[in-house]
Amino acid sequence: MYRFLLSRQWVILTLIGLVLIPTMIELGFWQFHRHERRVVQNELIARNLAAKPVPVTELTSEGHTVPRSDYWRRVTATGTFATDKEVVVRLRTNSDDRVGFHVLTPLVLADGRAVLVNRGWVPNDRGDQHAFPDVPPAPRGTVTVTGRLKADETARGSGIKERSGLPPRQVMLINSSQQSKALGMPVVGGYLEMTAPQPAGDTPEQIREPDHDSIGAHMAYAIQWWLFTTGVPIGWVILVRREVRDRRAAASANASSAADSPDSSTTPVNV
């Protein structure tokens, strides 16, 4: 009765099921690990945002790569803004997903090194990505800024492609090494997302705090994949039982039909 399982159709169906089971198990673990990473990242963000601010030079220096454990650490820096060397970062969005620019202003420390400070977002009011936007001036004189420490952006890490032939004072990435060469001065690794002092007139619009409350739907997706995994063998068994039932019904019908029909091998006898 179960010899039909050796047919081409059923062999292919069984092989597909055997491939789907480990694949969906792996997809479930992939989503589960994404959930774990999101939880760990949320804890890191919350912990670093709650930590007491420390001088930026305690966590980074020239040529230093900011480790993930220091992302979003609250840091302070005291110096003078070099507004004549200010640049804008192209194609950046604000909290309303409007496309504009980030304002990147070097803050020159007392020892001559510079810290890149992302002062926030400004709109592209001129409607031309090649024109330098209207940027509110940075505070004058010696100022102490507080911000969140971030690592240098790279094309590989951010997915943002570098472009050549950009308009003057415009860049695609916030990268201390690139800016050090452009500025002709030492720049400490990483940059600051400024949170204080608040800009006059609320512009530039400061970068919003990273989300560390939502964990996403990765755990739900993991459970779904694992439920799908259990559904494959259950579905296979249901199909097999249905096929057996249909074959038995067909065999019973054929037997009844044969019993009701006259024997073709018997010759009628005339009396």
Protein backbone atom coordinates (compact mmCIF):
# COMPACT_ATOMS: atom_id res chain seq x y z
CA MET A 1 0.00 0.00 0.00
CA TYR A 2 2.88 2.37 0.71
CA ARG A 3 4.86 1.57 -2.42
CA PHE A 4 3.62 4.87 -3.89
CA LEU A 5 6.19 6.60 -1.64
CA LEU A 6 8.85 5.31 -4.05
CA SER A 7 7.26 7.07 -7.00
CA ARG A 8 9.07 10.07 -8.53
CA GLN A 9 6.44 12.54 -7.31
CA TRP A 10 6.59 11.38 -3.69
CA VAL A 11 10.38 11.09 -3.61
CA ILE A 12 10.66 14.73 -4.76
CA LEU A 13 8.02 15.84 -2.24
CA THR A 14 9.84 14.03 0.58
CA LEU A 15 13.21 15.46 -0.38
CA ILE A 16 11.76 18.98 -0.44
CA GLY A 17 10.40 18.43 3.06
CA LEU A 18 13.77 17.12 4.28
CA VAL A 19 15.46 20.26 2.90
CA LEU A 20 12.88 22.63 4.34
CA ILE A 21 13.14 21.31 7.91
CA PRO A 22 16.81 22.22 8.61
CA THR A 23 16.49 25.39 6.54
CA MET A 24 13.60 26.73 8.61
CA ILE A 25 15.28 25.65 11.84
CA GLU A 26 18.33 27.67 10.82
CA LEU A 27 16.18 30.67 9.87
CA GLY A 28 14.55 30.48 13.29
CA PHE A 29 17.93 30.56 15.04
CA TRP A 30 19.01 33.43 12.78
CA GLN A 31 16.07 35.50 13.96
CA PHE A 32 16.65 34.40 17.55
CA HIS A 33 20.28 35.56 17.43
CA ARG A 34 19.14 38.88 15.95
CA HIS A 35 16.79 39.23 18.92
CA GLU A 36 19.65 38.51 21.32
CA ARG A 37 21.89 41.08 19.62
CA ARG A 38 19.12 43.68 19.77
CA VAL A 39 18.62 43.07 23.50
CA VAL A 40 22.37 43.37 24.14
CA GLN A 41 22.56 46.56 22.07
CA ASN A 42 19.61 48.10 23.89
CA GLU A 43 21.28 47.35 27.22
CA LEU A 44 24.54 48.89 25.96
CA ILE A 45 22.81 52.05 24.75
CA ALA A 46 20.85 52.48 27.97
CA ARG A 47 23.94 51.89 30.10
CA ASN A 48 26.14 54.31 28.14
CA LEU A 49 23.49 57.02 27.99
CA ALA A 50 23.02 56.78 31.74
CA ALA A 51 26.75 56.90 32.51
CA LYS A 52 28.33 60.07 33.83
CA PRO A 53 29.98 62.11 31.04
CA VAL A 54 33.77 61.85 30.81
CA PRO A 55 36.28 63.90 28.78
CA VAL A 56 36.38 62.62 25.22
CA THR A 57 40.16 62.30 25.36
CA GLU A 58 39.79 59.58 28.01
CA LEU A 59 38.07 57.33 25.47
CA THR A 60 39.67 58.20 22.15
CA SER A 61 42.76 59.71 20.61
CA GLU A 62 44.24 60.40 17.18
CA GLY A 63 43.93 57.30 14.99
CA HIS A 64 41.86 55.46 17.60
CA THR A 65 39.00 53.23 16.51
CA VAL A 66 36.06 53.60 18.88
CA PRO A 67 35.01 50.11 20.04
CA ARG A 68 31.36 49.14 20.14
CA SER A 69 31.46 49.07 23.94
CA ASP A 70 31.99 52.86 23.87
CA TYR A 71 29.28 53.67 21.31
CA TRP A 72 26.87 56.33 22.63
CA ARG A 73 29.04 57.03 25.68
CA ARG A 74 28.35 60.51 27.01
CA VAL A 75 31.49 62.60 26.68
CA THR A 76 32.52 66.22 27.02
CA ALA A 77 35.00 68.35 25.10
CA THR A 78 36.18 71.91 25.71
CA GLY A 79 37.61 74.03 22.94
CA THR A 80 36.87 76.50 20.18
CA PHE A 81 34.76 75.75 17.12
CA ALA A 82 36.68 76.17 13.84
CA THR A 83 33.69 77.36 11.83
CA ASP A 84 35.89 78.24 8.85
CA LYS A 85 36.62 74.52 8.47
CA GLU A 86 33.03 73.38 8.89
CA VAL A 87 31.59 70.88 6.40
CA VAL A 88 28.19 69.32 5.82
CA VAL A 89 27.40 65.64 5.38
CA ARG A 90 25.17 64.95 2.41
CA LEU A 91 21.90 63.00 2.18
CA ARG A 92 21.10 62.73 5.88
CA THR A 93 17.56 62.53 7.25
CA ASN A 94 15.98 63.96 10.38
CA SER A 95 13.38 62.42 12.68
CA ASP A 96 10.68 63.14 10.07
CA ASP A 97 12.68 61.44 7.30
CA ARG A 98 13.32 64.73 5.49
CA VAL A 99 16.52 64.72 3.50
CA GLY A 100 19.07 67.38 4.33
CA PHE A 101 22.56 67.71 5.78
CA HIS A 102 24.40 67.05 9.02
CA VAL A 103 26.60 69.93 10.16
CA LEU A 104 30.11 68.77 11.07
CA THR A 105 32.21 71.36 12.89
CA PRO A 106 35.71 70.72 14.28
CA LEU A 107 36.18 71.67 17.92
CA VAL A 108 39.84 72.55 18.49
CA LEU A 109 41.07 71.51 21.93
CA ALA A 110 43.68 73.33 24.01
CA ASP A 111 46.38 70.86 22.90
CA GLY A 112 45.77 71.60 19.21
CA ARG A 113 43.90 68.42 18.41
CA ALA A 114 40.39 68.58 17.00
CA VAL A 115 37.20 66.70 17.80
CA LEU A 116 34.58 66.33 15.08
CA VAL A 117 31.23 67.53 16.40
CA ASN A 118 28.00 66.69 14.60
CA ARG A 119 25.96 69.74 15.58
CA GLY A 120 22.78 68.36 14.03
CA TRP A 121 20.60 68.40 10.94
CA VAL A 122 19.67 71.27 8.65
CA PRO A 123 17.19 71.13 5.75
CA ASN A 124 18.03 71.48 2.10
CA ASP A 125 16.00 74.67 1.79
CA ARG A 126 17.70 75.70 -1.42
CA GLY A 127 16.51 72.57 -3.19
CA ASP A 128 19.97 71.94 -4.58
CA GLN A 129 22.22 69.26 -3.14
CA HIS A 130 25.23 70.98 -4.71
CA ALA A 131 24.66 74.27 -2.89
CA PHE A 132 25.99 74.78 0.62
CA PRO A 133 22.99 75.06 2.96
CA ASP A 134 22.22 77.84 5.38
CA VAL A 135 23.95 76.78 8.60
CA PRO A 136 23.41 78.59 11.91
CA PRO A 137 26.73 79.68 13.40
CA ALA A 138 28.37 77.64 16.13
CA PRO A 139 28.92 79.18 19.58
CA ARG A 140 31.89 81.54 19.69
CA GLY A 141 34.80 81.47 22.08
CA THR A 142 35.71 78.63 24.39
CA VAL A 143 32.79 76.27 24.86
CA THR A 144 32.21 72.92 26.54
CA VAL A 145 30.04 70.55 24.56
CA THR A 146 28.43 67.31 25.67
CA GLY A 147 27.56 64.57 23.25
CA ARG A 148 27.37 60.90 22.39
CA LEU A 149 30.56 59.28 21.14
CA LYS A 150 30.30 57.49 17.80
CA ALA A 151 32.77 55.56 15.68
CA ASP A 152 34.07 56.80 12.35
CA GLU A 153 31.78 56.03 9.43
CA THR A 154 33.11 53.86 6.63
CA ALA A 155 31.61 52.92 3.30
CA ARG A 156 31.63 49.25 4.27
CA GLY A 157 30.13 49.75 7.71
CA SER A 158 27.49 52.34 6.79
CA GLY A 159 26.59 51.24 3.29
CA ILE A 160 27.09 54.83 2.12
CA LYS A 161 29.16 55.04 -1.04
CA GLU A 162 31.96 57.55 -1.33
CA ARG A 163 31.72 59.96 -4.24
CA SER A 164 34.32 61.96 -6.03
CA GLY A 165 33.88 65.49 -7.30
CA LEU A 166 31.66 66.64 -4.44
CA PRO A 167 30.94 70.36 -4.07
CA PRO A 168 33.26 72.29 -1.75
CA ARG A 169 32.80 71.65 1.99
CA GLN A 170 30.56 68.64 1.44
CA VAL A 171 31.33 65.04 2.42
CA MET A 172 29.54 61.71 2.33
CA LEU A 173 30.94 60.17 5.53
CA ILE A 174 31.95 61.36 8.98
CA ASN A 175 35.49 60.05 9.21
CA SER A 176 38.22 61.48 11.43
CA SER A 177 41.09 60.24 9.23
CA GLN A 178 39.66 61.88 6.14
CA GLN A 179 38.96 65.12 7.98
CA SER A 180 42.43 65.14 9.54
CA LYS A 181 43.95 65.17 6.06
CA ALA A 182 41.51 67.82 4.83
CA LEU A 183 42.00 70.04 7.89
CA GLY A 184 45.74 69.61 8.16
CA MET A 185 45.55 68.98 11.90
CA PRO A 186 45.34 65.96 14.20
CA VAL A 187 41.78 64.75 14.81
CA VAL A 188 40.82 62.24 17.51
CA GLY A 189 39.08 59.08 16.34
CA GLY A 190 35.32 59.01 16.09
CA TYR A 191 33.02 61.98 16.52
CA LEU A 192 30.46 63.51 18.88
CA GLU A 193 26.72 63.81 18.36
CA MET A 194 26.20 67.06 20.27
CA THR A 195 23.45 67.15 22.89
CA ALA A 196 24.47 70.31 24.78
CA PRO A 197 24.46 73.24 24.66
CA GLN A 198 21.13 73.54 22.93
CA PRO A 199 21.35 75.51 19.68
CA ALA A 200 19.63 78.87 19.50
CA GLY A 201 16.31 78.60 17.70
CA ASP A 202 16.51 74.79 17.86
CA THR A 203 18.57 74.68 14.70
CA PRO A 204 20.56 72.73 13.70
CA GLU A 205 18.10 70.05 14.76
CA GLN A 206 20.01 67.82 17.14
CA ILE A 207 20.29 64.10 16.43
CA ARG A 208 17.68 62.19 18.36
CA GLU A 209 18.67 59.68 20.99
CA PRO A 210 19.04 56.12 19.63
CA ASP A 211 16.07 53.85 20.21
CA HIS A 212 16.79 51.41 23.00
CA ASP A 213 13.27 50.42 24.04
CA SER A 214 12.05 48.44 21.05
CA ILE A 215 13.31 44.90 20.57
CA GLY A 216 11.61 44.36 17.23
CA ALA A 217 9.74 41.27 16.08
CA HIS A 218 12.73 38.95 15.72
CA MET A 219 11.63 36.58 18.48
CA ALA A 220 8.16 36.31 16.95
CA TYR A 221 9.72 35.55 13.57
CA ALA A 222 11.92 32.86 15.17
CA ILE A 223 8.88 31.17 16.72
CA GLN A 224 7.05 31.35 13.39
CA TRP A 225 9.91 29.62 11.56
CA TRP A 226 10.03 26.87 14.17
CA LEU A 227 6.26 26.40 13.95
CA PHE A 228 6.61 26.11 10.19
CA THR A 229 9.28 23.45 10.79
CA THR A 230 6.88 21.28 12.81
CA GLY A 231 4.26 21.79 10.13
CA VAL A 232 6.37 20.10 7.44
CA PRO A 233 6.36 16.53 8.88
CA ILE A 234 2.77 16.92 10.06
CA GLY A 235 1.73 18.01 6.60
CA TRP A 236 3.70 15.15 5.04
CA VAL A 237 1.94 12.59 7.27
CA ILE A 238 -1.47 14.09 6.46
CA LEU A 239 -0.76 13.87 2.73
CA VAL A 240 0.43 10.25 3.04
CA ARG A 241 -2.67 9.23 5.01
CA ARG A 242 -4.89 10.97 2.48
CA GLU A 243 -3.14 9.19 -0.36
CA VAL A 244 -3.54 5.82 1.40
CA ARG A 245 -7.22 6.53 2.07
CA ASP A 246 -7.84 7.50 -1.55
CA ARG A 247 -6.01 4.43 -2.85
CA ARG A 248 -7.97 2.13 -0.53
CA ALA A 249 -11.23 3.74 -1.58
CA ALA A 250 -10.27 3.33 -5.22
CA ALA A 251 -9.32 -0.30 -4.67
CA SER A 252 -12.58 -0.99 -2.84
CA ALA A 253 -14.59 0.64 -5.62
CA ASN A 254 -12.79 -1.44 -8.24
CA ALA A 255 -13.45 -4.61 -6.24
CA SER A 256 -17.15 -3.80 -5.93
CA SER A 257 -17.36 -3.04 -9.63
CA ALA A 258 -15.74 -6.35 -10.47
CA ALA A 259 -18.10 -8.27 -8.17
CA ASP A 260 -21.19 -6.69 -9.71
CA SER A 261 -20.19 -7.34 -13.33
CA PRO A 262 -20.76 -10.85 -15.01
CA ASP A 263 -17.77 -13.14 -15.51
CA SER A 264 -16.65 -12.47 -19.07
CA SER A 265 -15.09 -15.97 -19.20
CA THR A 266 -18.44 -17.81 -18.67
CA THR A 267 -20.38 -18.85 -21.78
CA PRO A 268 -24.20 -18.62 -21.48
CA VAL A 269 -26.03 -22.00 -21.72
CA ASN A 270 -29.25 -22.19 -23.74
CA VAL A 271 -31.84 -24.53 -22.27
